[in-house]
Amino acid sequence: QVQLVESGGGLVQPGGSLRLSCAASGFTFRRYTMSWYRQAPGKEREWVASITPSGGTTTYADSMKDRFTISRDNAKNTVYLQMNSLKPEDTAEYYCKTVLGNFEYWGQGTQVTVSS
């Protein structure tokens, strides 16, 4: 079955960096676009970034495109989100997602807290 497992979250000070990972299994990873989303307490889930199957095209939400970088390693079935210059407003649960046919698959999330 499809599984997406995020890791790499934690507590970081403002201005710091984190790299999130999402390990995928149960499908042919290299054929599918992967995305990161986040959800802050009391807010709706929002799209962060996406990457095409080959990794050749990446897209970002405007508020994050200068600080975040999405990448993937198809040999390791893993997608990454490098987050730099973190701000308190980046505090959220971060999720990876893929769409296979008509179905969306989500990971369980990893918590990122930006606080001094």
Protein backbone atom coordinates (compact mmCIF):
# COMPACT_ATOMS: atom_id res chain seq x y z
CA GLN A 1 0.00 0.00 0.00
CA VAL A 2 1.04 3.60 -0.49
CA GLN A 3 2.94 5.02 2.43
CA LEU A 4 4.44 8.46 2.95
CA VAL A 5 6.50 8.97 6.09
CA GLU A 6 7.76 12.43 6.98
CA SER A 7 10.65 13.14 9.30
CA GLY A 8 13.06 15.90 10.20
CA GLY A 9 10.80 18.27 12.07
CA GLY A 10 11.65 19.80 15.40
CA LEU A 11 12.23 22.97 17.36
CA VAL A 12 14.41 25.59 15.72
CA GLN A 13 15.22 29.20 16.50
CA PRO A 14 14.13 32.01 14.18
CA GLY A 15 16.59 32.31 11.32
CA GLY A 16 17.51 28.66 11.55
CA SER A 17 17.19 25.84 9.05
CA LEU A 18 15.65 22.40 8.86
CA ARG A 19 15.48 19.72 6.20
CA LEU A 20 12.36 17.62 6.07
CA SER A 21 12.26 14.23 4.40
CA CYS A 22 9.38 12.18 3.10
CA ALA A 23 10.07 8.53 2.40
CA ALA A 24 7.66 6.94 -0.07
CA SER A 25 6.75 3.33 -0.69
CA GLY A 26 4.06 1.25 -2.35
CA PHE A 27 4.10 3.01 -5.70
CA THR A 28 6.50 3.90 -8.51
CA PHE A 29 7.86 7.04 -6.93
CA ARG A 30 9.77 8.32 -9.94
CA ARG A 31 6.57 8.65 -11.99
CA TYR A 32 4.69 11.05 -9.74
CA THR A 33 4.72 14.66 -8.72
CA MET A 34 5.29 15.15 -5.02
CA SER A 35 4.18 18.07 -2.90
CA TRP A 36 4.63 19.54 0.54
CA TYR A 37 1.81 21.18 2.48
CA ARG A 38 1.60 22.65 5.95
CA GLN A 39 -1.07 23.39 8.50
CA ALA A 40 -0.67 25.83 11.34
CA PRO A 41 -2.88 25.64 14.43
CA GLY A 42 -6.30 27.08 13.72
CA LYS A 43 -5.57 27.55 10.02
CA GLU A 44 -6.36 25.68 6.85
CA ARG A 45 -3.81 23.41 5.27
CA GLU A 46 -1.80 25.30 2.64
CA TRP A 47 0.33 24.24 -0.26
CA VAL A 48 4.06 24.85 0.11
CA ALA A 49 5.83 23.40 -2.94
CA SER A 50 5.71 20.74 -5.64
CA ILE A 51 8.24 18.89 -7.76
CA THR A 52 7.69 17.01 -11.00
CA PRO A 53 8.62 13.33 -11.39
CA SER A 54 12.06 13.97 -12.84
CA GLY A 55 12.73 16.86 -10.51
CA GLY A 56 13.11 19.19 -13.45
CA THR A 57 10.39 21.60 -12.41
CA THR A 58 9.68 22.97 -8.97
CA THR A 59 6.99 25.40 -7.90
CA TYR A 60 6.49 27.26 -4.64
CA ALA A 61 3.99 29.31 -2.74
CA ASP A 62 5.00 32.95 -3.05
CA SER A 63 5.68 33.42 0.64
CA MET A 64 8.16 30.55 0.71
CA LYS A 65 9.89 30.49 -2.65
CA ASP A 66 12.92 32.48 -1.54
CA ARG A 67 13.55 30.42 1.58
CA PHE A 68 12.42 26.87 0.86
CA THR A 69 13.78 24.34 -1.65
CA ILE A 70 12.04 21.15 -2.67
CA SER A 71 14.10 18.31 -4.12
CA ARG A 72 13.87 14.58 -4.63
CA ASP A 73 16.05 11.52 -4.89
CA ASN A 74 14.29 8.97 -7.06
CA ALA A 75 16.86 6.32 -6.20
CA LYS A 76 15.90 6.65 -2.54
CA ASN A 77 12.16 7.25 -3.10
CA THR A 78 12.44 10.37 -1.00
CA VAL A 79 11.37 13.98 -1.36
CA TYR A 80 12.95 16.74 0.70
CA LEU A 81 12.09 20.23 1.83
CA GLN A 82 15.03 22.42 2.80
CA MET A 83 13.80 25.33 4.87
CA ASN A 84 16.07 28.29 5.57
CA SER A 85 15.61 31.59 7.38
CA LEU A 86 12.75 30.13 9.34
CA LYS A 87 10.24 32.44 10.96
CA PRO A 88 7.80 31.89 13.82
CA GLU A 89 4.98 31.95 11.29
CA ASP A 90 6.47 28.85 9.65
CA THR A 91 5.42 26.89 12.72
CA ALA A 92 3.11 24.15 11.46
CA GLU A 93 2.65 20.48 10.82
CA TYR A 94 4.27 19.68 7.48
CA TYR A 95 2.87 16.98 5.21
CA CYS A 96 3.92 15.40 1.95
CA LYS A 97 1.34 14.41 -0.61
CA THR A 98 1.03 12.61 -3.89
CA VAL A 99 -1.87 11.96 -6.22
CA LEU A 100 -2.26 8.60 -7.89
CA GLY A 101 -5.18 8.63 -10.32
CA ASN A 102 -8.17 9.95 -8.39
CA PHE A 103 -6.68 9.37 -4.97
CA GLU A 104 -4.68 11.66 -2.75
CA TYR A 105 -2.19 10.15 -0.34
CA TRP A 106 -0.85 12.01 2.65
CA GLY A 107 1.79 11.32 5.21
CA GLN A 108 1.18 11.61 8.93
CA GLY A 109 3.06 14.90 9.17
CA THR A 110 6.07 16.22 11.01
CA GLN A 111 5.91 19.16 13.40
CA VAL A 112 8.07 22.22 12.87
CA THR A 113 8.21 24.78 15.65
CA VAL A 114 10.10 28.03 15.18
CA SER A 115 10.62 29.75 18.49
CA SER A 116 13.31 31.36 20.58
